[in-house]
Amino acid sequence: TGGNEGAHSAVGATLDGDIAINEINAYIKDSDVNASKNLDVKAQSDVDVITVDAAGTAAFNDSAFSGTLAVFALENTENAFIENSNINQTAARINKGADTSVSAITSFDDLAIVGTVAYGSKSSGDASIRVDGIADNVNSYIKNSSIDTTGDVNLYNKSEFDALTVSAAGMISQGNVGASGSVSILIDNATQNNYIENSE
């Protein structure tokens, strides 16, 4: 939060930047596994972000300018896999439906409140900007492995984003010039892969 006050001219600004790097891995690798029931390999993350940024300026005899820029960047990776392993679900021969499941799930919730206000006796201007950049890489796979089951083999990916931004700007000018604006930008780059490679 930032602010400024002046008898003549005033300028106020708030800059806020946050970077989060998240990596989740769930796997069976270089192993022999005997399972009597369902086998689940799951990588899951739930990310909740709340940010509040504000700026204000006041100039009682001249001009006032105010601005807020808030940036949030998230790099998220989810990997769920079975690799170089032998899975033997003996229960599949006794109780039908003993499944092997590999899943990677991401859930992202973002609430951002960005605001600015400026008061100038002659002129005033303000702007508030919010930028969200999200890179999500979600992978589930079975590679170089043997799955012995009479049930199902399931691969599942899910990537969920819920972003709500309240961006507001307000100005008061007793003179002839006044300008106000707010902008919200979301940049989303999501990649999902699920596959079975060199496996039986």
N, C-alpha and C. Protein backbone atom coordinates (compact mmCIF):
# COMPACT_ATOMS: atom_id res chain seq x y z
N THR A 1 0.85 -1.19 0.00
CA THR A 1 0.00 0.00 0.00
C THR A 1 0.88 1.24 0.00
N GLY A 2 0.53 2.21 -0.83
CA GLY A 2 1.32 3.43 -0.90
C GLY A 2 0.45 4.66 -0.96
N GLY A 3 1.01 5.81 -0.60
CA GLY A 3 0.25 7.05 -0.64
C GLY A 3 1.14 8.25 -0.55
N ASN A 4 0.59 9.41 -0.94
CA ASN A 4 1.37 10.63 -0.89
C ASN A 4 0.42 11.81 -0.77
N GLU A 5 0.94 12.90 -0.17
CA GLU A 5 0.13 14.10 0.03
C GLU A 5 1.04 15.30 -0.15
N GLY A 6 0.54 16.32 -0.86
CA GLY A 6 1.37 17.49 -1.09
C GLY A 6 0.55 18.75 -1.19
N ALA A 7 1.17 19.87 -0.83
CA ALA A 7 0.48 21.14 -0.94
C ALA A 7 0.38 21.57 -2.39
N HIS A 8 1.36 21.19 -3.21
CA HIS A 8 1.33 21.55 -4.62
C HIS A 8 1.01 20.30 -5.44
N SER A 9 2.00 19.63 -5.96
CA SER A 9 1.74 18.41 -6.73
C SER A 9 2.16 17.19 -5.92
N ALA A 10 1.53 16.04 -6.25
CA ALA A 10 1.82 14.81 -5.52
C ALA A 10 1.74 13.62 -6.46
N VAL A 11 2.64 12.67 -6.24
CA VAL A 11 2.65 11.43 -7.01
C VAL A 11 2.77 10.27 -6.04
N GLY A 12 1.91 9.27 -6.20
CA GLY A 12 1.95 8.08 -5.35
C GLY A 12 1.88 6.81 -6.18
N ALA A 13 2.57 5.77 -5.73
CA ALA A 13 2.59 4.52 -6.49
C ALA A 13 2.79 3.34 -5.56
N THR A 14 2.20 2.21 -5.96
CA THR A 14 2.41 0.94 -5.27
C THR A 14 2.79 -0.11 -6.30
N LEU A 15 3.91 -0.80 -6.06
CA LEU A 15 4.35 -1.90 -6.90
C LEU A 15 4.44 -3.15 -6.05
N ASP A 16 3.79 -4.22 -6.51
CA ASP A 16 3.77 -5.46 -5.75
C ASP A 16 3.99 -6.63 -6.72
N GLY A 17 5.00 -7.45 -6.46
CA GLY A 17 5.28 -8.61 -7.30
C GLY A 17 5.48 -9.86 -6.47
N ASP A 18 4.81 -10.93 -6.85
CA ASP A 18 4.92 -12.21 -6.16
C ASP A 18 5.17 -13.31 -7.18
N ILE A 19 6.12 -14.20 -6.86
CA ILE A 19 6.44 -15.33 -7.72
C ILE A 19 6.38 -16.61 -6.88
N ALA A 20 5.63 -17.59 -7.36
CA ALA A 20 5.50 -18.87 -6.66
C ALA A 20 5.87 -20.00 -7.61
N ILE A 21 6.74 -20.90 -7.14
CA ILE A 21 7.13 -22.08 -7.91
C ILE A 21 6.73 -23.31 -7.12
N ASN A 22 5.89 -24.14 -7.72
CA ASN A 22 5.32 -25.28 -7.02
C ASN A 22 5.52 -26.54 -7.86
N GLU A 23 6.06 -27.60 -7.24
CA GLU A 23 6.23 -28.87 -7.96
C GLU A 23 5.80 -30.02 -7.07
N ILE A 24 4.92 -30.87 -7.59
CA ILE A 24 4.41 -32.02 -6.87
C ILE A 24 4.68 -33.27 -7.71
N ASN A 25 5.28 -34.28 -7.07
CA ASN A 25 5.58 -35.55 -7.76
C ASN A 25 5.03 -36.71 -6.95
N ALA A 26 4.32 -37.60 -7.62
CA ALA A 26 3.87 -38.86 -7.01
C ALA A 26 4.17 -39.97 -8.01
N TYR A 27 4.92 -40.99 -7.57
CA TYR A 27 5.35 -41.97 -8.56
C TYR A 27 5.72 -43.31 -7.93
N ILE A 28 5.74 -44.32 -8.78
CA ILE A 28 6.34 -45.62 -8.49
C ILE A 28 7.42 -45.81 -9.55
N LYS A 29 8.65 -46.00 -9.12
CA LYS A 29 9.77 -46.05 -10.06
C LYS A 29 10.75 -47.14 -9.65
N ASP A 30 11.19 -47.91 -10.66
CA ASP A 30 12.19 -48.96 -10.43
C ASP A 30 11.77 -49.89 -9.30
N SER A 31 10.51 -50.33 -9.36
CA SER A 31 9.97 -51.12 -8.26
C SER A 31 9.12 -52.29 -8.76
N ASP A 32 8.98 -53.29 -7.89
CA ASP A 32 8.03 -54.39 -8.08
C ASP A 32 6.97 -54.27 -7.00
N VAL A 33 5.73 -54.13 -7.43
CA VAL A 33 4.64 -53.89 -6.48
C VAL A 33 3.58 -54.97 -6.64
N ASN A 34 3.23 -55.61 -5.50
CA ASN A 34 2.11 -56.54 -5.45
C ASN A 34 0.98 -55.87 -4.68
N ALA A 35 -0.13 -55.65 -5.36
CA ALA A 35 -1.26 -54.96 -4.73
C ALA A 35 -2.46 -55.88 -4.68
N SER A 36 -3.11 -55.92 -3.51
CA SER A 36 -4.29 -56.77 -3.36
C SER A 36 -5.59 -56.01 -3.62
N LYS A 37 -5.47 -54.66 -3.73
CA LYS A 37 -6.65 -53.84 -4.01
C LYS A 37 -6.30 -52.81 -5.09
N ASN A 38 -7.15 -51.82 -5.23
CA ASN A 38 -6.89 -50.77 -6.21
C ASN A 38 -5.58 -50.05 -5.89
N LEU A 39 -4.88 -49.65 -6.94
CA LEU A 39 -3.61 -48.93 -6.79
C LEU A 39 -3.78 -47.52 -7.38
N ASP A 40 -3.58 -46.50 -6.53
CA ASP A 40 -3.76 -45.12 -6.97
C ASP A 40 -2.45 -44.36 -6.77
N VAL A 41 -1.98 -43.73 -7.84
CA VAL A 41 -0.84 -42.83 -7.79
C VAL A 41 -1.36 -41.44 -8.15
N LYS A 42 -1.37 -40.53 -7.18
CA LYS A 42 -2.01 -39.23 -7.40
C LYS A 42 -1.11 -38.09 -6.94
N ALA A 43 -0.92 -37.11 -7.83
CA ALA A 43 -0.26 -35.85 -7.49
C ALA A 43 -1.32 -34.75 -7.54
N GLN A 44 -1.47 -34.02 -6.44
CA GLN A 44 -2.52 -33.01 -6.36
C GLN A 44 -2.06 -31.80 -5.57
N SER A 45 -2.38 -30.62 -6.07
CA SER A 45 -2.07 -29.39 -5.34
C SER A 45 -3.25 -28.44 -5.41
N ASP A 46 -3.48 -27.73 -4.30
CA ASP A 46 -4.51 -26.70 -4.21
C ASP A 46 -3.82 -25.41 -3.80
N VAL A 47 -3.87 -24.42 -4.69
CA VAL A 47 -3.21 -23.14 -4.46
C VAL A 47 -4.26 -22.06 -4.28
N ASP A 48 -4.21 -21.34 -3.15
CA ASP A 48 -5.12 -20.23 -2.87
C ASP A 48 -4.30 -18.97 -2.64
N VAL A 49 -4.60 -17.92 -3.40
CA VAL A 49 -3.86 -16.66 -3.32
C VAL A 49 -4.84 -15.51 -3.11
N ILE A 50 -4.56 -14.67 -2.10
CA ILE A 50 -5.35 -13.46 -1.85
C ILE A 50 -4.38 -12.28 -1.73
N THR A 51 -4.58 -11.25 -2.56
CA THR A 51 -3.73 -10.06 -2.49
C THR A 51 -4.58 -8.81 -2.49
N VAL A 52 -4.12 -7.81 -1.73
CA VAL A 52 -4.78 -6.50 -1.67
C VAL A 52 -3.72 -5.42 -1.82
N ASP A 53 -3.87 -4.55 -2.82
CA ASP A 53 -2.92 -3.48 -3.07
C ASP A 53 -3.69 -2.19 -3.34
N ALA A 54 -3.19 -1.07 -2.75
CA ALA A 54 -3.87 0.21 -2.93
C ALA A 54 -2.87 1.35 -2.87
N ALA A 55 -3.20 2.45 -3.54
CA ALA A 55 -2.37 3.66 -3.52
C ALA A 55 -3.28 4.87 -3.55
N GLY A 56 -2.81 5.97 -2.94
CA GLY A 56 -3.60 7.19 -2.95
C GLY A 56 -2.73 8.42 -2.86
N THR A 57 -3.14 9.51 -3.52
CA THR A 57 -2.43 10.78 -3.47
C THR A 57 -3.42 11.92 -3.33
N ALA A 58 -2.93 13.03 -2.78
CA ALA A 58 -3.75 14.24 -2.65
C ALA A 58 -2.86 15.47 -2.80
N ALA A 59 -3.27 16.38 -3.65
CA ALA A 59 -2.58 17.66 -3.83
C ALA A 59 -3.64 18.76 -3.71
N PHE A 60 -3.47 19.63 -2.72
CA PHE A 60 -4.52 20.60 -2.42
C PHE A 60 -4.43 21.87 -3.26
N ASN A 61 -3.26 22.12 -3.87
CA ASN A 61 -3.12 23.33 -4.67
C ASN A 61 -2.68 23.07 -6.11
N ASP A 62 -2.58 21.80 -6.47
CA ASP A 62 -2.06 21.52 -7.82
C ASP A 62 -2.60 20.18 -8.31
N SER A 63 -1.72 19.35 -8.90
CA SER A 63 -2.12 18.10 -9.55
C SER A 63 -1.69 16.89 -8.73
N ALA A 64 -2.45 15.82 -8.89
CA ALA A 64 -2.16 14.58 -8.18
C ALA A 64 -2.25 13.41 -9.15
N PHE A 65 -1.28 12.49 -9.02
CA PHE A 65 -1.25 11.31 -9.87
C PHE A 65 -0.94 10.09 -9.00
N SER A 66 -1.66 9.01 -9.26
CA SER A 66 -1.51 7.82 -8.42
C SER A 66 -1.61 6.57 -9.29
N GLY A 67 -0.85 5.53 -8.91
CA GLY A 67 -0.90 4.29 -9.68
C GLY A 67 -0.59 3.07 -8.85
N THR A 68 -1.20 1.95 -9.22
CA THR A 68 -0.96 0.67 -8.56
C THR A 68 -0.70 -0.39 -9.62
N LEU A 69 0.40 -1.14 -9.46
CA LEU A 69 0.71 -2.25 -10.35
C LEU A 69 0.97 -3.48 -9.48
N ALA A 70 0.16 -4.51 -9.66
CA ALA A 70 0.32 -5.75 -8.90
C ALA A 70 0.49 -6.91 -9.88
N VAL A 71 1.55 -7.70 -9.67
CA VAL A 71 1.87 -8.81 -10.58
C VAL A 71 2.02 -10.08 -9.76
N PHE A 72 1.35 -11.15 -10.21
CA PHE A 72 1.51 -12.46 -9.58
C PHE A 72 1.85 -13.48 -10.65
N ALA A 73 2.92 -14.26 -10.42
CA ALA A 73 3.36 -15.28 -11.37
C ALA A 73 3.44 -16.63 -10.67
N LEU A 74 2.84 -17.64 -11.28
CA LEU A 74 2.85 -19.00 -10.72
C LEU A 74 3.36 -19.98 -11.76
N GLU A 75 4.38 -20.76 -11.38
CA GLU A 75 4.86 -21.86 -12.21
C GLU A 75 4.58 -23.16 -11.45
N ASN A 76 3.66 -23.95 -11.98
CA ASN A 76 3.21 -25.15 -11.28
C ASN A 76 3.45 -26.39 -12.15
N THR A 77 3.99 -27.44 -11.52
CA THR A 77 4.24 -28.70 -12.21
C THR A 77 3.69 -29.86 -11.39
N GLU A 78 2.89 -30.70 -12.03
CA GLU A 78 2.34 -31.89 -11.39
C GLU A 78 2.74 -33.12 -12.21
N ASN A 79 3.40 -34.07 -11.56
CA ASN A 79 3.81 -35.31 -12.22
C ASN A 79 3.32 -36.51 -11.42
N ALA A 80 2.58 -37.38 -12.08
CA ALA A 80 2.17 -38.65 -11.49
C ALA A 80 2.50 -39.74 -12.50
N PHE A 81 3.29 -40.74 -12.07
CA PHE A 81 3.71 -41.72 -13.07
C PHE A 81 4.14 -43.04 -12.44
N ILE A 82 4.13 -44.06 -13.29
CA ILE A 82 4.72 -45.36 -12.99
C ILE A 82 5.79 -45.59 -14.06
N GLU A 83 7.02 -45.84 -13.62
CA GLU A 83 8.12 -45.95 -14.57
C GLU A 83 9.08 -47.06 -14.17
N ASN A 84 9.48 -47.86 -15.16
CA ASN A 84 10.44 -48.96 -14.95
C ASN A 84 10.02 -49.86 -13.79
N SER A 85 8.74 -50.22 -13.76
CA SER A 85 8.22 -50.99 -12.63
C SER A 85 7.30 -52.12 -13.12
N ASN A 86 7.12 -53.08 -12.22
CA ASN A 86 6.19 -54.19 -12.46
C ASN A 86 5.09 -54.14 -11.41
N ILE A 87 3.86 -54.02 -11.87
CA ILE A 87 2.70 -53.95 -10.98
C ILE A 87 1.90 -55.24 -11.13
N ASN A 88 1.75 -55.96 -10.04
CA ASN A 88 1.00 -57.22 -10.05
C ASN A 88 -0.15 -57.11 -9.06
N GLN A 89 -1.36 -57.01 -9.61
CA GLN A 89 -2.55 -56.92 -8.75
C GLN A 89 -3.21 -58.29 -8.70
N THR A 90 -2.73 -59.10 -7.78
CA THR A 90 -3.27 -60.46 -7.67
C THR A 90 -4.74 -60.46 -7.32
N ALA A 91 -5.21 -59.40 -6.67
CA ALA A 91 -6.62 -59.32 -6.30
C ALA A 91 -7.51 -59.27 -7.52
N ALA A 92 -6.93 -58.87 -8.66
CA ALA A 92 -7.72 -58.79 -9.87
C ALA A 92 -8.21 -60.18 -10.29
N ARG A 93 -7.49 -61.19 -9.91
CA ARG A 93 -7.91 -62.55 -10.27
C ARG A 93 -8.96 -63.08 -9.29
N ILE A 94 -9.02 -62.48 -8.12
CA ILE A 94 -9.98 -62.93 -7.10
C ILE A 94 -11.21 -62.02 -7.09
N ASN A 95 -10.95 -60.70 -7.01
CA ASN A 95 -12.03 -59.72 -7.02
C ASN A 95 -11.90 -58.86 -8.27
N LYS A 96 -12.78 -59.05 -9.22
CA LYS A 96 -12.70 -58.31 -10.46
C LYS A 96 -12.83 -56.81 -10.20
N GLY A 97 -12.06 -56.04 -10.92
CA GLY A 97 -12.18 -54.59 -10.81
C GLY A 97 -11.10 -53.94 -9.97
N ALA A 98 -10.00 -54.64 -9.68
CA ALA A 98 -8.87 -54.01 -9.00
C ALA A 98 -8.13 -53.18 -10.02
N ASP A 99 -8.25 -51.85 -9.93
CA ASP A 99 -7.77 -50.95 -10.97
C ASP A 99 -6.43 -50.33 -10.61
N THR A 100 -5.74 -49.87 -11.65
CA THR A 100 -4.55 -49.05 -11.50
C THR A 100 -4.86 -47.66 -12.05
N SER A 101 -4.69 -46.64 -11.21
CA SER A 101 -5.02 -45.27 -11.61
C SER A 101 -3.84 -44.35 -11.37
N VAL A 102 -3.56 -43.50 -12.35
CA VAL A 102 -2.50 -42.50 -12.25
C VAL A 102 -3.12 -41.15 -12.59
N SER A 103 -3.04 -40.19 -11.66
CA SER A 103 -3.74 -38.91 -11.88
C SER A 103 -2.92 -37.74 -11.38
N ALA A 104 -3.03 -36.62 -12.09
CA ALA A 104 -2.38 -35.36 -11.71
C ALA A 104 -3.45 -34.26 -11.77
N ILE A 105 -3.59 -33.53 -10.65
CA ILE A 105 -4.69 -32.56 -10.51
C ILE A 105 -4.16 -31.25 -9.94
N THR A 106 -4.55 -30.14 -10.56
CA THR A 106 -4.20 -28.81 -10.09
C THR A 106 -5.46 -27.99 -9.89
N SER A 107 -5.53 -27.28 -8.76
CA SER A 107 -6.63 -26.35 -8.49
C SER A 107 -6.04 -25.03 -8.02
N PHE A 108 -6.38 -23.94 -8.71
CA PHE A 108 -5.82 -22.63 -8.42
C PHE A 108 -6.94 -21.62 -8.24
N ASP A 109 -6.98 -20.95 -7.08
CA ASP A 109 -7.96 -19.90 -6.79
C ASP A 109 -7.22 -18.61 -6.45
N ASP A 110 -7.58 -17.55 -7.16
CA ASP A 110 -6.89 -16.26 -6.99
C ASP A 110 -7.92 -15.16 -6.78
N LEU A 111 -7.80 -14.45 -5.66
CA LEU A 111 -8.62 -13.28 -5.40
C LEU A 111 -7.70 -12.08 -5.23
N ALA A 112 -7.86 -11.09 -6.11
CA ALA A 112 -7.00 -9.90 -6.08
C ALA A 112 -7.87 -8.65 -6.03
N ILE A 113 -7.52 -7.75 -5.11
CA ILE A 113 -8.19 -6.46 -4.98
C ILE A 113 -7.14 -5.37 -5.18
N VAL A 114 -7.29 -4.60 -6.23
CA VAL A 114 -6.32 -3.57 -6.59
C VAL A 114 -7.06 -2.26 -6.77
N GLY A 115 -6.59 -1.20 -6.07
CA GLY A 115 -7.29 0.07 -6.18
C GLY A 115 -6.37 1.25 -6.01
N THR A 116 -6.81 2.38 -6.54
CA THR A 116 -6.07 3.62 -6.38
C THR A 116 -7.03 4.79 -6.45
N VAL A 117 -6.64 5.90 -5.79
CA VAL A 117 -7.46 7.10 -5.80
C VAL A 117 -6.54 8.32 -5.78
N ALA A 118 -6.97 9.37 -6.47
CA ALA A 118 -6.18 10.60 -6.54
C ALA A 118 -7.11 11.80 -6.41
N TYR A 119 -6.65 12.81 -5.64
CA TYR A 119 -7.37 14.07 -5.50
C TYR A 119 -6.42 15.22 -5.86
N GLY A 120 -6.84 16.05 -6.79
CA GLY A 120 -6.05 17.22 -7.16
C GLY A 120 -6.96 18.42 -7.35
N SER A 121 -6.55 19.56 -6.81
CA SER A 121 -7.38 20.76 -6.93
C SER A 121 -7.42 21.28 -8.37
N LYS A 122 -6.35 20.99 -9.15
CA LYS A 122 -6.32 21.43 -10.54
C LYS A 122 -6.54 20.26 -11.51
N SER A 123 -5.82 19.18 -11.31
CA SER A 123 -5.98 18.00 -12.17
C SER A 123 -5.58 16.75 -11.40
N SER A 124 -6.10 15.63 -11.85
CA SER A 124 -5.76 14.38 -11.19
C SER A 124 -5.86 13.23 -12.19
N GLY A 125 -5.09 12.19 -11.93
CA GLY A 125 -5.14 11.00 -12.77
C GLY A 125 -4.65 9.80 -12.01
N ASP A 126 -5.27 8.66 -12.27
CA ASP A 126 -4.82 7.45 -11.59
C ASP A 126 -5.14 6.22 -12.43
N ALA A 127 -4.44 5.15 -12.11
CA ALA A 127 -4.64 3.88 -12.81
C ALA A 127 -4.27 2.73 -11.90
N SER A 128 -5.00 1.63 -12.02
CA SER A 128 -4.68 0.41 -11.29
C SER A 128 -4.61 -0.74 -12.28
N ILE A 129 -3.56 -1.55 -12.16
CA ILE A 129 -3.31 -2.65 -13.10
C ILE A 129 -2.99 -3.91 -12.31
N ARG A 130 -3.64 -5.00 -12.69
CA ARG A 130 -3.37 -6.31 -12.11
C ARG A 130 -3.02 -7.28 -13.23
N VAL A 131 -1.89 -8.00 -13.07
CA VAL A 131 -1.45 -8.96 -14.07
C VAL A 131 -1.22 -10.31 -13.38
N ASP A 132 -1.87 -11.36 -13.89
CA ASP A 132 -1.67 -12.73 -13.41
C ASP A 132 -1.04 -13.53 -14.54
N GLY A 133 0.10 -14.18 -14.26
CA GLY A 133 0.74 -15.06 -15.22
C GLY A 133 0.85 -16.47 -14.65
N ILE A 134 0.23 -17.43 -15.31
CA ILE A 134 0.17 -18.79 -14.79
C ILE A 134 0.70 -19.76 -15.84
N ALA A 135 1.68 -20.58 -15.46
CA ALA A 135 2.20 -21.65 -16.31
C ALA A 135 1.98 -22.97 -15.57
N ASP A 136 1.13 -23.82 -16.12
CA ASP A 136 0.76 -25.06 -15.44
C ASP A 136 1.10 -26.24 -16.35
N ASN A 137 1.91 -27.17 -15.83
CA ASN A 137 2.33 -28.34 -16.59
C ASN A 137 1.89 -29.59 -15.82
N VAL A 138 0.92 -30.32 -16.37
CA VAL A 138 0.31 -31.46 -15.67
C VAL A 138 0.55 -32.72 -16.50
N ASN A 139 1.15 -33.75 -15.86
CA ASN A 139 1.51 -34.97 -16.58
C ASN A 139 1.14 -36.21 -15.78
N SER A 140 0.55 -37.18 -16.46
CA SER A 140 0.34 -38.50 -15.87
C SER A 140 0.67 -39.54 -16.94
N TYR A 141 1.50 -40.55 -16.56
CA TYR A 141 1.91 -41.51 -17.58
C TYR A 141 2.40 -42.81 -16.95
N ILE A 142 2.43 -43.83 -17.79
CA ILE A 142 3.03 -45.12 -17.46
C ILE A 142 4.07 -45.40 -18.53
N LYS A 143 5.31 -45.69 -18.08
CA LYS A 143 6.41 -45.80 -19.03
C LYS A 143 7.32 -46.98 -18.65
N ASN A 144 7.65 -47.78 -19.64
CA ASN A 144 8.57 -48.91 -19.46
C ASN A 144 8.18 -49.78 -18.27
N SER A 145 6.89 -50.13 -18.22
CA SER A 145 6.38 -50.87 -17.08
C SER A 145 5.42 -51.98 -17.52
N SER A 146 5.20 -52.91 -16.60
CA SER A 146 4.26 -54.00 -16.83
C SER A 146 3.15 -53.91 -15.79
N ILE A 147 1.89 -53.87 -16.26
CA ILE A 147 0.73 -53.79 -15.37
C ILE A 147 -0.07 -55.08 -15.55
N ASP A 148 -0.08 -55.93 -14.52
CA ASP A 148 -0.80 -57.20 -14.56
C ASP A 148 -2.10 -57.05 -13.77
N THR A 149 -3.20 -56.83 -14.49
CA THR A 149 -4.49 -56.64 -13.83
C THR A 149 -5.61 -57.01 -14.79
N THR A 150 -6.72 -57.47 -14.23
CA THR A 150 -7.92 -57.69 -15.05
C THR A 150 -8.90 -56.54 -14.87
N GLY A 151 -8.51 -55.54 -14.06
CA GLY A 151 -9.33 -54.34 -13.90
C GLY A 151 -8.97 -53.30 -14.95
N ASP A 152 -9.21 -52.04 -14.65
CA ASP A 152 -8.95 -50.96 -15.59
C ASP A 152 -7.64 -50.26 -15.27
N VAL A 153 -7.03 -49.71 -16.31
CA VAL A 153 -5.87 -48.84 -16.17
C VAL A 153 -6.30 -47.44 -16.58
N ASN A 154 -6.22 -46.50 -15.63
CA ASN A 154 -6.76 -45.15 -15.86
C ASN A 154 -5.66 -44.09 -15.75
N LEU A 155 -5.66 -43.16 -16.69
CA LEU A 155 -4.82 -41.97 -16.65
C LEU A 155 -5.73 -40.76 -16.64
N TYR A 156 -5.46 -39.81 -15.72
CA TYR A 156 -6.39 -38.68 -15.58
C TYR A 156 -5.62 -37.41 -15.24
N ASN A 157 -5.92 -36.35 -15.98
CA ASN A 157 -5.36 -35.02 -15.71
C ASN A 157 -6.49 -34.02 -15.50
N LYS A 158 -6.24 -33.04 -14.64
CA LYS A 158 -7.22 -31.96 -14.46
C LYS A 158 -6.49 -30.69 -14.04
N SER A 159 -6.81 -29.60 -14.70
CA SER A 159 -6.21 -28.30 -14.39
C SER A 159 -7.34 -27.28 -14.28
N GLU A 160 -7.52 -26.72 -13.09
CA GLU A 160 -8.63 -25.81 -12.81
C GLU A 160 -8.12 -24.47 -12.35
N PHE A 161 -8.63 -23.39 -12.97
CA PHE A 161 -8.24 -22.04 -12.59
C PHE A 161 -9.49 -21.21 -12.32
N ASP A 162 -9.49 -20.52 -11.19
CA ASP A 162 -10.58 -19.62 -10.84
C ASP A 162 -9.96 -18.32 -10.35
N ALA A 163 -9.96 -17.30 -11.21
CA ALA A 163 -9.32 -16.03 -10.88
C ALA A 163 -10.36 -14.92 -10.87
N LEU A 164 -10.43 -14.21 -9.75
CA LEU A 164 -11.33 -13.07 -9.61
C LEU A 164 -10.51 -11.85 -9.23
N THR A 165 -10.56 -10.83 -10.08
CA THR A 165 -9.82 -9.60 -9.83
C THR A 165 -10.79 -8.43 -9.74
N VAL A 166 -10.70 -7.69 -8.64
CA VAL A 166 -11.46 -6.46 -8.48
C VAL A 166 -10.47 -5.31 -8.63
N SER A 167 -10.52 -4.64 -9.76
CA SER A 167 -9.57 -3.57 -10.08
C SER A 167 -10.36 -2.28 -10.22
N ALA A 168 -10.02 -1.28 -9.40
CA ALA A 168 -10.79 -0.04 -9.39
C ALA A 168 -9.88 1.16 -9.28
N ALA A 169 -10.30 2.26 -9.92
CA ALA A 169 -9.56 3.52 -9.84
C ALA A 169 -10.57 4.65 -9.72
N GLY A 170 -10.25 5.62 -8.88
CA GLY A 170 -11.14 6.76 -8.71
C GLY A 170 -10.36 8.05 -8.57
N MET A 171 -10.91 9.13 -9.11
CA MET A 171 -10.22 10.41 -9.05
C MET A 171 -11.21 11.52 -8.73
N ILE A 172 -10.69 12.56 -8.09
CA ILE A 172 -11.46 13.76 -7.80
C ILE A 172 -10.62 14.95 -8.24
N SER A 173 -11.17 15.79 -9.10
CA SER A 173 -10.44 16.95 -9.60
C SER A 173 -11.36 18.16 -9.57
N GLN A 174 -10.91 19.22 -8.94
CA GLN A 174 -11.67 20.46 -8.92
C GLN A 174 -11.32 21.36 -10.10
N GLY A 175 -10.33 20.93 -10.89
CA GLY A 175 -9.95 21.70 -12.06
C GLY A 175 -10.64 21.20 -13.30
N ASN A 176 -9.92 21.28 -14.42
CA ASN A 176 -10.53 20.96 -15.69
C ASN A 176 -10.15 19.58 -16.22
N VAL A 177 -9.15 18.94 -15.61
CA VAL A 177 -8.63 17.70 -16.17
C VAL A 177 -8.72 16.58 -15.13
N GLY A 178 -9.25 15.45 -15.57
CA GLY A 178 -9.31 14.28 -14.71
C GLY A 178 -9.34 13.01 -15.55
N ALA A 179 -8.58 12.03 -15.14
CA ALA A 179 -8.55 10.77 -15.87
C ALA A 179 -8.37 9.63 -14.89
N SER A 180 -9.05 8.51 -15.19
CA SER A 180 -9.00 7.36 -14.28
C SER A 180 -9.21 6.09 -15.09
N GLY A 181 -8.51 5.01 -14.71
CA GLY A 181 -8.67 3.75 -15.43
C GLY A 181 -8.16 2.57 -14.64
N SER A 182 -8.68 1.39 -14.96
CA SER A 182 -8.24 0.16 -14.32
C SER A 182 -8.19 -0.95 -15.35
N VAL A 183 -7.20 -1.85 -15.19
CA VAL A 183 -6.98 -2.94 -16.15
C VAL A 183 -6.66 -4.22 -15.38
N SER A 184 -7.24 -5.32 -15.84
CA SER A 184 -6.93 -6.64 -15.28
C SER A 184 -6.53 -7.56 -16.42
N ILE A 185 -5.37 -8.25 -16.29
CA ILE A 185 -4.84 -9.09 -17.35
C ILE A 185 -4.53 -10.48 -16.79
N LEU A 186 -5.01 -11.53 -17.48
CA LEU A 186 -4.72 -12.91 -17.10
C LEU A 186 -4.01 -13.60 -18.26
N ILE A 187 -2.80 -14.14 -18.00
CA ILE A 187 -2.03 -14.89 -18.99
C ILE A 187 -1.94 -16.33 -18.50
N ASP A 188 -2.57 -17.24 -19.22
CA ASP A 188 -2.67 -18.64 -18.78
C ASP A 188 -2.04 -19.54 -19.84
N ASN A 189 -1.04 -20.31 -19.43
CA ASN A 189 -0.39 -21.27 -20.33
C ASN A 189 -0.40 -22.64 -19.66
N ALA A 190 -1.37 -23.48 -20.04
CA ALA A 190 -1.54 -24.79 -19.42
C ALA A 190 -1.22 -25.90 -20.42
N THR A 191 -0.43 -26.87 -19.96
CA THR A 191 -0.07 -28.02 -20.78
C THR A 191 -0.41 -29.30 -20.03
N GLN A 192 -1.12 -30.21 -20.70
CA GLN A 192 -1.49 -31.47 -20.09
C GLN A 192 -1.06 -32.62 -20.99
N ASN A 193 -0.45 -33.64 -20.37
CA ASN A 193 -0.02 -34.83 -21.11
C ASN A 193 -0.37 -36.07 -20.31
N ASN A 194 -0.99 -37.04 -20.97
CA ASN A 194 -1.12 -38.37 -20.37
C ASN A 194 -0.91 -39.42 -21.46
N TYR A 195 -0.11 -40.44 -21.12
CA TYR A 195 0.25 -41.42 -22.15
C TYR A 195 0.78 -42.70 -21.49
N ILE A 196 0.77 -43.75 -22.29
CA ILE A 196 1.38 -45.03 -21.93
C ILE A 196 2.45 -45.31 -22.98
N GLU A 197 3.67 -45.58 -22.54
CA GLU A 197 4.78 -45.74 -23.47
C GLU A 197 5.60 -46.99 -23.09
N ASN A 198 5.83 -47.85 -24.09
CA ASN A 198 6.66 -49.05 -23.91
C ASN A 198 6.23 -49.87 -22.70
N SER A 199 4.93 -50.08 -22.58
CA SER A 199 4.38 -50.79 -21.43
C SER A 199 3.35 -51.82 -21.89
N GLU A 200 3.07 -52.76 -20.98
CA GLU A 200 2.07 -53.77 -21.30
C GLU A 200 1.24 -54.10 -20.06
